[in-house]
Amino acid sequence: MPIGVPSTVLVARIFLWRHDVARKKPTDSEFVLFDIVYEDGARTSNRKVPSNLLGGLDGDSPARGVIEEQDHKIAEMSGMRRGPIKTITRSPGQ
């Protein structure tokens, strides 16, 4: 024990440290992650789609439009186009 530090302060520090370590990080429920396979065989993982656009009668089908829009923006910035999307699946653990 360090000299001059009350034991109650040390106990409080240990409690706070253990509390922070044991606490899980909050899940990001604002987004759903998807894995994409393109017609040319290229893959991308963990593409974010806002969760409020999914569900309902359309299920996950709105994700295709969001991801195609993201691909379009990326292509404008990079100058490299992506091919057509072959499949879209939720990332494991979603």
PDB file of N, CA and C in Angstrom:
ATOM      1  N   MET A   1       0.849  -1.162   0.000  1.00  0.00           N
ATOM      2  CA  MET A   1       0.000   0.000   0.000  1.00  0.00           C
ATOM      3  C   MET A   1       0.903   1.236   0.000  1.00  0.00           C
ATOM      4  N   PRO A   2       0.653   2.194  -0.912  1.00  0.00           N
ATOM      5  CA  PRO A   2       1.456   3.414  -0.929  1.00  0.00           C
ATOM      6  C   PRO A   2       1.277   4.191   0.373  1.00  0.00           C
ATOM      7  N   ILE A   3       2.354   4.785   0.800  1.00  0.00           N
ATOM      8  CA  ILE A   3       2.331   5.545   2.054  1.00  0.00           C
ATOM      9  C   ILE A   3       1.550   6.843   1.836  1.00  0.00           C
ATOM     10  N   GLY A   4       0.673   7.148   2.776  1.00  0.00           N
ATOM     11  CA  GLY A   4      -0.070   8.390   2.752  1.00  0.00           C
ATOM     12  C   GLY A   4      -1.382   8.327   1.981  1.00  0.00           C
ATOM     13  N   VAL A   5      -1.735   7.150   1.426  1.00  0.00           N
ATOM     14  CA  VAL A   5      -2.995   7.026   0.688  1.00  0.00           C
ATOM     15  C   VAL A   5      -3.948   6.205   1.540  1.00  0.00           C
ATOM     16  N   PRO A   6      -5.097   6.766   1.901  1.00  0.00           N
ATOM     17  CA  PRO A   6      -6.051   6.015   2.723  1.00  0.00           C
ATOM     18  C   PRO A   6      -6.521   4.748   2.004  1.00  0.00           C
ATOM     19  N   SER A   7      -6.737   3.699   2.775  1.00  0.00           N
ATOM     20  CA  SER A   7      -7.142   2.421   2.195  1.00  0.00           C
ATOM     21  C   SER A   7      -8.495   2.521   1.484  1.00  0.00           C
ATOM     22  N   THR A   8      -9.372   3.412   1.947  1.00  0.00           N
ATOM     23  CA  THR A   8     -10.673   3.554   1.281  1.00  0.00           C
ATOM     24  C   THR A   8     -10.512   4.086  -0.146  1.00  0.00           C
ATOM     25  N   VAL A   9      -9.513   4.929  -0.377  1.00  0.00           N
ATOM     26  CA  VAL A   9      -9.251   5.450  -1.721  1.00  0.00           C
ATOM     27  C   VAL A   9      -8.786   4.315  -2.621  1.00  0.00           C
ATOM     28  N   LEU A  10      -7.911   3.466  -2.109  1.00  0.00           N
ATOM     29  CA  LEU A  10      -7.425   2.329  -2.899  1.00  0.00           C
ATOM     30  C   LEU A  10      -8.553   1.369  -3.235  1.00  0.00           C
ATOM     31  N   VAL A  11      -9.409   1.092  -2.274  1.00  0.00           N
ATOM     32  CA  VAL A  11     -10.553   0.195  -2.511  1.00  0.00           C
ATOM     33  C   VAL A  11     -11.466   0.791  -3.571  1.00  0.00           C
ATOM     34  N   ALA A  12     -11.704   2.080  -3.502  1.00  0.00           N
ATOM     35  CA  ALA A  12     -12.562   2.737  -4.490  1.00  0.00           C
ATOM     36  C   ALA A  12     -11.942   2.663  -5.876  1.00  0.00           C
ATOM     37  N   ARG A  13     -10.631   2.861  -5.959  1.00  0.00           N
ATOM     38  CA  ARG A  13      -9.954   2.781  -7.262  1.00  0.00           C
ATOM     39  C   ARG A  13     -10.040   1.378  -7.842  1.00  0.00           C
ATOM     40  N   ILE A  14      -9.831   0.363  -7.006  1.00  0.00           N
ATOM     41  CA  ILE A  14      -9.922  -1.024  -7.477  1.00  0.00           C
ATOM     42  C   ILE A  14     -11.341  -1.322  -7.943  1.00  0.00           C
ATOM     43  N   PHE A  15     -12.340  -0.886  -7.179  1.00  0.00           N
ATOM     44  CA  PHE A  15     -13.726  -1.119  -7.574  1.00  0.00           C
ATOM     45  C   PHE A  15     -14.028  -0.478  -8.921  1.00  0.00           C
ATOM     46  N   LEU A  16     -13.628   0.778  -9.099  1.00  0.00           N
ATOM     47  CA  LEU A  16     -13.885   1.471 -10.361  1.00  0.00           C
ATOM     48  C   LEU A  16     -13.154   0.797 -11.517  1.00  0.00           C
ATOM     49  N   TRP A  17     -11.918   0.364 -11.303  1.00  0.00           N
ATOM     50  CA  TRP A  17     -11.160  -0.312 -12.350  1.00  0.00           C
ATOM     51  C   TRP A  17     -11.837  -1.613 -12.735  1.00  0.00           C
ATOM     52  N   ARG A  18     -12.244  -2.409 -11.761  1.00  0.00           N
ATOM     53  CA  ARG A  18     -12.904  -3.688 -12.044  1.00  0.00           C
ATOM     54  C   ARG A  18     -14.236  -3.452 -12.741  1.00  0.00           C
ATOM     55  N   HIS A  19     -14.933  -2.404 -12.348  1.00  0.00           N
ATOM     56  CA  HIS A  19     -16.227  -2.090 -12.957  1.00  0.00           C
ATOM     57  C   HIS A  19     -16.043  -1.753 -14.445  1.00  0.00           C
ATOM     58  N   ASP A  20     -15.029  -0.952 -14.764  1.00  0.00           N
ATOM     59  CA  ASP A  20     -14.773  -0.583 -16.154  1.00  0.00           C
ATOM     60  C   ASP A  20     -14.326  -1.774 -16.988  1.00  0.00           C
ATOM     61  N   VAL A  21     -13.510  -2.632 -16.428  1.00  0.00           N
ATOM     62  CA  VAL A  21     -13.009  -3.792 -17.150  1.00  0.00           C
ATOM     63  C   VAL A  21     -14.136  -4.782 -17.425  1.00  0.00           C
ATOM     64  N   ALA A  22     -14.988  -5.006 -16.451  1.00  0.00           N
ATOM     65  CA  ALA A  22     -16.028  -6.004 -16.574  1.00  0.00           C
ATOM     66  C   ALA A  22     -17.200  -5.549 -17.434  1.00  0.00           C
ATOM     67  N   ARG A  23     -17.327  -4.257 -17.634  1.00  0.00           N
ATOM     68  CA  ARG A  23     -18.476  -3.722 -18.365  1.00  0.00           C
ATOM     69  C   ARG A  23     -18.344  -3.988 -19.859  1.00  0.00           C
ATOM     70  N   LYS A  24     -19.379  -4.506 -20.459  1.00  0.00           N
ATOM     71  CA  LYS A  24     -19.376  -4.736 -21.900  1.00  0.00           C
ATOM     72  C   LYS A  24     -19.617  -3.425 -22.633  1.00  0.00           C
ATOM     73  N   LYS A  25     -19.064  -3.338 -23.813  1.00  0.00           N
ATOM     74  CA  LYS A  25     -19.303  -2.159 -24.634  1.00  0.00           C
ATOM     75  C   LYS A  25     -20.729  -2.226 -25.174  1.00  0.00           C
ATOM     76  N   PRO A  26     -21.405  -1.106 -25.250  1.00  0.00           N
ATOM     77  CA  PRO A  26     -22.780  -1.135 -25.759  1.00  0.00           C
ATOM     78  C   PRO A  26     -22.809  -1.540 -27.230  1.00  0.00           C
ATOM     79  N   THR A  27     -23.828  -2.297 -27.590  1.00  0.00           N
ATOM     80  CA  THR A  27     -23.965  -2.700 -28.985  1.00  0.00           C
ATOM     81  C   THR A  27     -24.512  -1.540 -29.790  1.00  0.00           C
ATOM     82  N   ASP A  28     -24.077  -1.462 -31.016  1.00  0.00           N
ATOM     83  CA  ASP A  28     -24.492  -0.375 -31.895  1.00  0.00           C
ATOM     84  C   ASP A  28     -25.755  -0.834 -32.635  1.00  0.00           C
ATOM     85  N   SER A  29     -26.915  -0.621 -32.015  1.00  0.00           N
ATOM     86  CA  SER A  29     -28.158  -1.097 -32.607  1.00  0.00           C
ATOM     87  C   SER A  29     -28.707  -0.129 -33.651  1.00  0.00           C
ATOM     88  N   GLU A  30     -27.989   0.955 -33.898  1.00  0.00           N
ATOM     89  CA  GLU A  30     -28.429   1.897 -34.921  1.00  0.00           C
ATOM     90  C   GLU A  30     -28.162   1.347 -36.316  1.00  0.00           C
ATOM     91  N   PHE A  31     -27.229   0.407 -36.415  1.00  0.00           N
ATOM     92  CA  PHE A  31     -26.847  -0.139 -37.707  1.00  0.00           C
ATOM     93  C   PHE A  31     -26.896  -1.661 -37.696  1.00  0.00           C
ATOM     94  N   VAL A  32     -27.118  -2.239 -38.865  1.00  0.00           N
ATOM     95  CA  VAL A  32     -27.017  -3.676 -39.068  1.00  0.00           C
ATOM     96  C   VAL A  32     -25.883  -3.876 -40.063  1.00  0.00           C
ATOM     97  N   LEU A  33     -25.032  -4.870 -39.808  1.00  0.00           N
ATOM     98  CA  LEU A  33     -23.877  -5.118 -40.666  1.00  0.00           C
ATOM     99  C   LEU A  33     -24.191  -6.209 -41.685  1.00  0.00           C
ATOM    100  N   PHE A  34     -23.718  -6.002 -42.916  1.00  0.00           N
ATOM    101  CA  PHE A  34     -23.955  -6.950 -43.999  1.00  0.00           C
ATOM    102  C   PHE A  34     -22.651  -7.309 -44.689  1.00  0.00           C
ATOM    103  N   ASP A  35     -22.579  -8.553 -45.169  1.00  0.00           N
ATOM    104  CA  ASP A  35     -21.479  -9.013 -46.012  1.00  0.00           C
ATOM    105  C   ASP A  35     -21.993  -9.042 -47.448  1.00  0.00           C
ATOM    106  N   ILE A  36     -21.177  -8.541 -48.373  1.00  0.00           N
ATOM    107  CA  ILE A  36     -21.591  -8.405 -49.774  1.00  0.00           C
ATOM    108  C   ILE A  36     -20.669  -9.241 -50.646  1.00  0.00           C
ATOM    109  N   VAL A  37     -21.261  -9.954 -51.606  1.00  0.00           N
ATOM    110  CA  VAL A  37     -20.499 -10.647 -52.644  1.00  0.00           C
ATOM    111  C   VAL A  37     -20.939 -10.041 -53.969  1.00  0.00           C
ATOM    112  N   TYR A  38     -19.954  -9.657 -54.775  1.00  0.00           N
ATOM    113  CA  TYR A  38     -20.224  -9.049 -56.069  1.00  0.00           C
ATOM    114  C   TYR A  38     -20.148 -10.106 -57.168  1.00  0.00           C
ATOM    115  N   GLU A  39     -20.709  -9.791 -58.332  1.00  0.00           N
ATOM    116  CA  GLU A  39     -20.729 -10.716 -59.470  1.00  0.00           C
ATOM    117  C   GLU A  39     -19.324 -11.184 -59.855  1.00  0.00           C
ATOM    118  N   ASP A  40     -18.321 -10.309 -59.702  1.00  0.00           N
ATOM    119  CA  ASP A  40     -16.952 -10.672 -60.081  1.00  0.00           C
ATOM    120  C   ASP A  40     -16.228 -11.483 -59.008  1.00  0.00           C
ATOM    121  N   GLY A  41     -16.915 -11.812 -57.895  1.00  0.00           N
ATOM    122  CA  GLY A  41     -16.332 -12.609 -56.827  1.00  0.00           C
ATOM    123  C   GLY A  41     -15.735 -11.783 -55.694  1.00  0.00           C
ATOM    124  N   ALA A  42     -15.659 -10.474 -55.852  1.00  0.00           N
ATOM    125  CA  ALA A  42     -15.132  -9.608 -54.789  1.00  0.00           C
ATOM    126  C   ALA A  42     -16.094  -9.631 -53.604  1.00  0.00           C
ATOM    127  N   ARG A  43     -15.529  -9.450 -52.421  1.00  0.00           N
ATOM    128  CA  ARG A  43     -16.329  -9.458 -51.195  1.00  0.00           C
ATOM    129  C   ARG A  43     -16.017  -8.225 -50.363  1.00  0.00           C
ATOM    130  N   THR A  44     -17.018  -7.732 -49.663  1.00  0.00           N
ATOM    131  CA  THR A  44     -16.813  -6.725 -48.631  1.00  0.00           C
ATOM    132  C   THR A  44     -17.599  -7.180 -47.408  1.00  0.00           C
ATOM    133  N   SER A  45     -17.078  -6.863 -46.247  1.00  0.00           N
ATOM    134  CA  SER A  45     -17.701  -7.307 -44.999  1.00  0.00           C
ATOM    135  C   SER A  45     -18.061  -6.123 -44.119  1.00  0.00           C
ATOM    136  N   ASN A  46     -19.050  -6.367 -43.281  1.00  0.00           N
ATOM    137  CA  ASN A  46     -19.456  -5.406 -42.245  1.00  0.00           C
ATOM    138  C   ASN A  46     -19.849  -4.046 -42.804  1.00  0.00           C
ATOM    139  N   ARG A  47     -20.615  -4.049 -43.868  1.00  0.00           N
ATOM    140  CA  ARG A  47     -21.138  -2.790 -44.420  1.00  0.00           C
ATOM    141  C   ARG A  47     -22.329  -2.371 -43.572  1.00  0.00           C
ATOM    142  N   LYS A  48     -22.314  -1.113 -43.120  1.00  0.00           N
ATOM    143  CA  LYS A  48     -23.359  -0.615 -42.229  1.00  0.00           C
ATOM    144  C   LYS A  48     -24.581  -0.136 -42.998  1.00  0.00           C
ATOM    145  N   VAL A  49     -25.756  -0.558 -42.496  1.00  0.00           N
ATOM    146  CA  VAL A  49     -27.038  -0.103 -43.018  1.00  0.00           C
ATOM    147  C   VAL A  49     -27.873   0.323 -41.811  1.00  0.00           C
ATOM    148  N   PRO A  50     -28.467   1.523 -41.853  1.00  0.00           N
ATOM    149  CA  PRO A  50     -29.285   1.965 -40.716  1.00  0.00           C
ATOM    150  C   PRO A  50     -30.403   0.969 -40.417  1.00  0.00           C
ATOM    151  N   SER A  51     -30.526   0.591 -39.157  1.00  0.00           N
ATOM    152  CA  SER A  51     -31.510  -0.426 -38.770  1.00  0.00           C
ATOM    153  C   SER A  51     -32.949   0.052 -38.948  1.00  0.00           C
ATOM    154  N   ASN A  52     -33.168   1.366 -38.932  1.00  0.00           N
ATOM    155  CA  ASN A  52     -34.546   1.855 -39.074  1.00  0.00           C
ATOM    156  C   ASN A  52     -35.084   1.656 -40.499  1.00  0.00           C
ATOM    157  N   LEU A  53     -34.213   1.347 -41.461  1.00  0.00           N
ATOM    158  CA  LEU A  53     -34.669   1.085 -42.829  1.00  0.00           C
ATOM    159  C   LEU A  53     -35.027  -0.377 -43.054  1.00  0.00           C
ATOM    160  N   LEU A  54     -34.679  -1.231 -42.103  1.00  0.00           N
ATOM    161  CA  LEU A  54     -34.870  -2.673 -42.260  1.00  0.00           C
ATOM    162  C   LEU A  54     -36.071  -3.146 -41.466  1.00  0.00           C
ATOM    163  N   GLY A  55     -36.494  -4.360 -41.767  1.00  0.00           N
ATOM    164  CA  GLY A  55     -37.624  -4.946 -41.061  1.00  0.00           C
ATOM    165  C   GLY A  55     -38.910  -4.638 -41.800  1.00  0.00           C
ATOM    166  N   GLY A  56     -40.001  -4.809 -41.130  1.00  0.00           N
ATOM    167  CA  GLY A  56     -41.294  -4.568 -41.766  1.00  0.00           C
ATOM    168  C   GLY A  56     -41.564  -5.590 -42.858  1.00  0.00           C
ATOM    169  N   LEU A  57     -42.385  -5.227 -43.817  1.00  0.00           N
ATOM    170  CA  LEU A  57     -42.760  -6.152 -44.884  1.00  0.00           C
ATOM    171  C   LEU A  57     -41.618  -6.433 -45.855  1.00  0.00           C
ATOM    172  N   ASP A  58     -40.707  -5.477 -46.007  1.00  0.00           N
ATOM    173  CA  ASP A  58     -39.610  -5.645 -46.955  1.00  0.00           C
ATOM    174  C   ASP A  58     -38.428  -6.404 -46.370  1.00  0.00           C
ATOM    175  N   GLY A  59     -38.369  -6.613 -45.071  1.00  0.00           N
ATOM    176  CA  GLY A  59     -37.260  -7.325 -44.451  1.00  0.00           C
ATOM    177  C   GLY A  59     -35.944  -6.608 -44.680  1.00  0.00           C
ATOM    178  N   ASP A  60     -34.941  -7.340 -45.179  1.00  0.00           N
ATOM    179  CA  ASP A  60     -33.617  -6.773 -45.407  1.00  0.00           C
ATOM    180  C   ASP A  60     -33.431  -6.249 -46.830  1.00  0.00           C
ATOM    181  N   SER A  61     -34.443  -6.335 -47.672  1.00  0.00           N
ATOM    182  CA  SER A  61     -34.275  -5.923 -49.074  1.00  0.00           C
ATOM    183  C   SER A  61     -33.903  -4.446 -49.245  1.00  0.00           C
ATOM    184  N   PRO A  62     -34.304  -3.519 -48.372  1.00  0.00           N
ATOM    185  CA  PRO A  62     -33.841  -2.129 -48.534  1.00  0.00           C
ATOM    186  C   PRO A  62     -32.324  -1.975 -48.386  1.00  0.00           C
ATOM    187  N   ALA A  63     -31.661  -2.965 -47.798  1.00  0.00           N
ATOM    188  CA  ALA A  63     -30.207  -2.893 -47.620  1.00  0.00           C
ATOM    189  C   ALA A  63     -29.499  -2.814 -48.969  1.00  0.00           C
ATOM    190  N   ARG A  64     -30.025  -3.480 -49.982  1.00  0.00           N
ATOM    191  CA  ARG A  64     -29.393  -3.468 -51.308  1.00  0.00           C
ATOM    192  C   ARG A  64     -29.287  -2.038 -51.841  1.00  0.00           C
ATOM    193  N   GLY A  65     -30.361  -1.282 -51.754  1.00  0.00           N
ATOM    194  CA  GLY A  65     -30.353   0.093 -52.250  1.00  0.00           C
ATOM    195  C   GLY A  65     -29.369   0.974 -51.495  1.00  0.00           C
ATOM    196  N   VAL A  66     -29.321   0.796 -50.167  1.00  0.00           N
ATOM    197  CA  VAL A  66     -28.410   1.591 -49.350  1.00  0.00           C
ATOM    198  C   VAL A  66     -26.961   1.261 -49.715  1.00  0.00           C
ATOM    199  N   ILE A  67     -26.660  -0.012 -49.867  1.00  0.00           N
ATOM    200  CA  ILE A  67     -25.290  -0.428 -50.176  1.00  0.00           C
ATOM    201  C   ILE A  67     -24.909  -0.010 -51.591  1.00  0.00           C
ATOM    202  N   GLU A  68     -25.845  -0.097 -52.533  1.00  0.00           N
ATOM    203  CA  GLU A  68     -25.549   0.377 -53.891  1.00  0.00           C
ATOM    204  C   GLU A  68     -25.270   1.880 -53.889  1.00  0.00           C
ATOM    205  N   GLU A  69     -25.988   2.624 -53.066  1.00  0.00           N
ATOM    206  CA  GLU A  69     -25.752   4.065 -52.949  1.00  0.00           C
ATOM    207  C   GLU A  69     -24.366   4.337 -52.343  1.00  0.00           C
ATOM    208  N   GLN A  70     -24.005   3.561 -51.322  1.00  0.00           N
ATOM    209  CA  GLN A  70     -22.678   3.688 -50.732  1.00  0.00           C
ATOM    210  C   GLN A  70     -21.600   3.392 -51.780  1.00  0.00           C
ATOM    211  N   ASP A  71     -21.810   2.317 -52.566  1.00  0.00           N
ATOM    212  CA  ASP A  71     -20.847   1.953 -53.617  1.00  0.00           C
ATOM    213  C   ASP A  71     -20.695   3.069 -54.642  1.00  0.00           C
ATOM    214  N   HIS A  72     -21.811   3.717 -54.976  1.00  0.00           N
ATOM    215  CA  HIS A  72     -21.779   4.812 -55.945  1.00  0.00           C
ATOM    216  C   HIS A  72     -20.935   5.980 -55.413  1.00  0.00           C
ATOM    217  N   LYS A  73     -21.135   6.333 -54.134  1.00  0.00           N
ATOM    218  CA  LYS A  73     -20.362   7.419 -53.528  1.00  0.00           C
ATOM    219  C   LYS A  73     -18.874   7.074 -53.466  1.00  0.00           C
ATOM    220  N   ILE A  74     -18.576   5.821 -53.110  1.00  0.00           N
ATOM    221  CA  ILE A  74     -17.178   5.385 -53.053  1.00  0.00           C
ATOM    222  C   ILE A  74     -16.556   5.443 -54.439  1.00  0.00           C
ATOM    223  N   ALA A  75     -17.307   5.027 -55.455  1.00  0.00           N
ATOM    224  CA  ALA A  75     -16.798   5.046 -56.831  1.00  0.00           C
ATOM    225  C   ALA A  75     -16.530   6.473 -57.298  1.00  0.00           C
ATOM    226  N   GLU A  76     -17.380   7.407 -56.915  1.00  0.00           N
ATOM    227  CA  GLU A  76     -17.152   8.809 -57.285  1.00  0.00           C
ATOM    228  C   GLU A  76     -15.854   9.344 -56.677  1.00  0.00           C
ATOM    229  N   MET A  77     -15.589   8.969 -55.432  1.00  0.00           N
ATOM    230  CA  MET A  77     -14.389   9.467 -54.764  1.00  0.00           C
ATOM    231  C   MET A  77     -13.121   8.767 -55.248  1.00  0.00           C
ATOM    232  N   SER A  78     -13.216   7.463 -55.497  1.00  0.00           N
ATOM    233  CA  SER A  78     -12.014   6.700 -55.853  1.00  0.00           C
ATOM    234  C   SER A  78     -11.781   6.600 -57.354  1.00  0.00           C
ATOM    235  N   GLY A  79     -12.852   6.776 -58.135  1.00  0.00           N
ATOM    236  CA  GLY A  79     -12.736   6.612 -59.577  1.00  0.00           C
ATOM    237  C   GLY A  79     -12.795   5.156 -60.017  1.00  0.00           C
ATOM    238  N   MET A  80     -13.086   4.239 -59.101  1.00  0.00           N
ATOM    239  CA  MET A  80     -13.167   2.807 -59.428  1.00  0.00           C
ATOM    240  C   MET A  80     -14.569   2.304 -59.122  1.00  0.00           C
ATOM    241  N   ARG A  81     -15.250   1.798 -60.146  1.00  0.00           N
ATOM    242  CA  ARG A  81     -16.621   1.301 -59.974  1.00  0.00           C
ATOM    243  C   ARG A  81     -16.612  -0.128 -59.456  1.00  0.00           C
ATOM    244  N   ARG A  82     -17.621  -0.462 -58.691  1.00  0.00           N
ATOM    245  CA  ARG A  82     -17.871  -1.836 -58.251  1.00  0.00           C
ATOM    246  C   ARG A  82     -18.788  -2.496 -59.261  1.00  0.00           C
ATOM    247  N   GLY A  83     -18.674  -3.805 -59.360  1.00  0.00           N
ATOM    248  CA  GLY A  83     -19.591  -4.544 -60.217  1.00  0.00           C
ATOM    249  C   GLY A  83     -20.941  -4.696 -59.540  1.00  0.00           C
ATOM    250  N   PRO A  84     -21.868  -5.357 -60.211  1.00  0.00           N
ATOM    251  CA  PRO A  84     -23.194  -5.570 -59.611  1.00  0.00           C
ATOM    252  C   PRO A  84     -23.120  -6.500 -58.395  1.00  0.00           C
ATOM    253  N   ILE A  85     -24.023  -6.292 -57.474  1.00  0.00           N
ATOM    254  CA  ILE A  85     -24.085  -7.111 -56.262  1.00  0.00           C
ATOM    255  C   ILE A  85     -24.733  -8.452 -56.590  1.00  0.00           C
ATOM    256  N   LYS A  86     -24.085  -9.520 -56.134  1.00  0.00           N
ATOM    257  CA  LYS A  86     -24.621 -10.869 -56.332  1.00  0.00           C
ATOM    258  C   LYS A  86     -25.471 -11.282 -55.124  1.00  0.00           C
ATOM    259  N   THR A  87     -24.884 -11.204 -53.921  1.00  0.00           N
ATOM    260  CA  THR A  87     -25.631 -11.583 -52.712  1.00  0.00           C
ATOM    261  C   THR A  87     -25.348 -10.604 -51.580  1.00  0.00           C
ATOM    262  N   ILE A  88     -26.337 -10.480 -50.701  1.00  0.00           N
ATOM    263  CA  ILE A  88     -26.212  -9.687 -49.483  1.00  0.00           C
ATOM    264  C   ILE A  88     -26.704 -10.553 -48.344  1.00  0.00           C
ATOM    265  N   THR A  89     -25.861 -10.725 -47.333  1.00  0.00           N
ATOM    266  CA  THR A  89     -26.253 -11.501 -46.145  1.00  0.00           C
ATOM    267  C   THR A  89     -25.827 -10.725 -44.899  1.00  0.00           C
ATOM    268  N   ARG A  90     -26.562 -10.923 -43.834  1.00  0.00           N
ATOM    269  CA  ARG A  90     -26.183 -10.299 -42.559  1.00  0.00           C
ATOM    270  C   ARG A  90     -24.855 -10.882 -42.095  1.00  0.00           C
ATOM    271  N   SER A  91     -24.021 -10.033 -41.548  1.00  0.00           N
ATOM    272  CA  SER A  91     -22.737 -10.484 -41.022  1.00  0.00           C
ATOM    273  C   SER A  91     -22.996 -11.418 -39.836  1.00  0.00           C
ATOM    274  N   PRO A  92     -22.135 -12.406 -39.624  1.00  0.00           N
ATOM    275  CA  PRO A  92     -22.324 -13.316 -38.487  1.00  0.00           C
ATOM    276  C   PRO A  92     -22.374 -12.543 -37.177  1.00  0.00           C
ATOM    277  N   GLY A  93     -23.214 -12.997 -36.280  1.00  0.00           N
ATOM    278  CA  GLY A  93     -23.356 -12.324 -34.988  1.00  0.00           C
ATOM    279  C   GLY A  93     -24.380 -11.211 -35.005  1.00  0.00           C
ATOM    280  N   GLN A  94     -25.082 -11.010 -36.087  1.00  0.00           N
ATOM    281  CA  GLN A  94     -26.078  -9.955 -36.181  1.00  0.00           C
ATOM    282  C   GLN A  94     -27.443 -10.483 -35.867  1.00  0.00           C
TER     283      GLN A  94
END
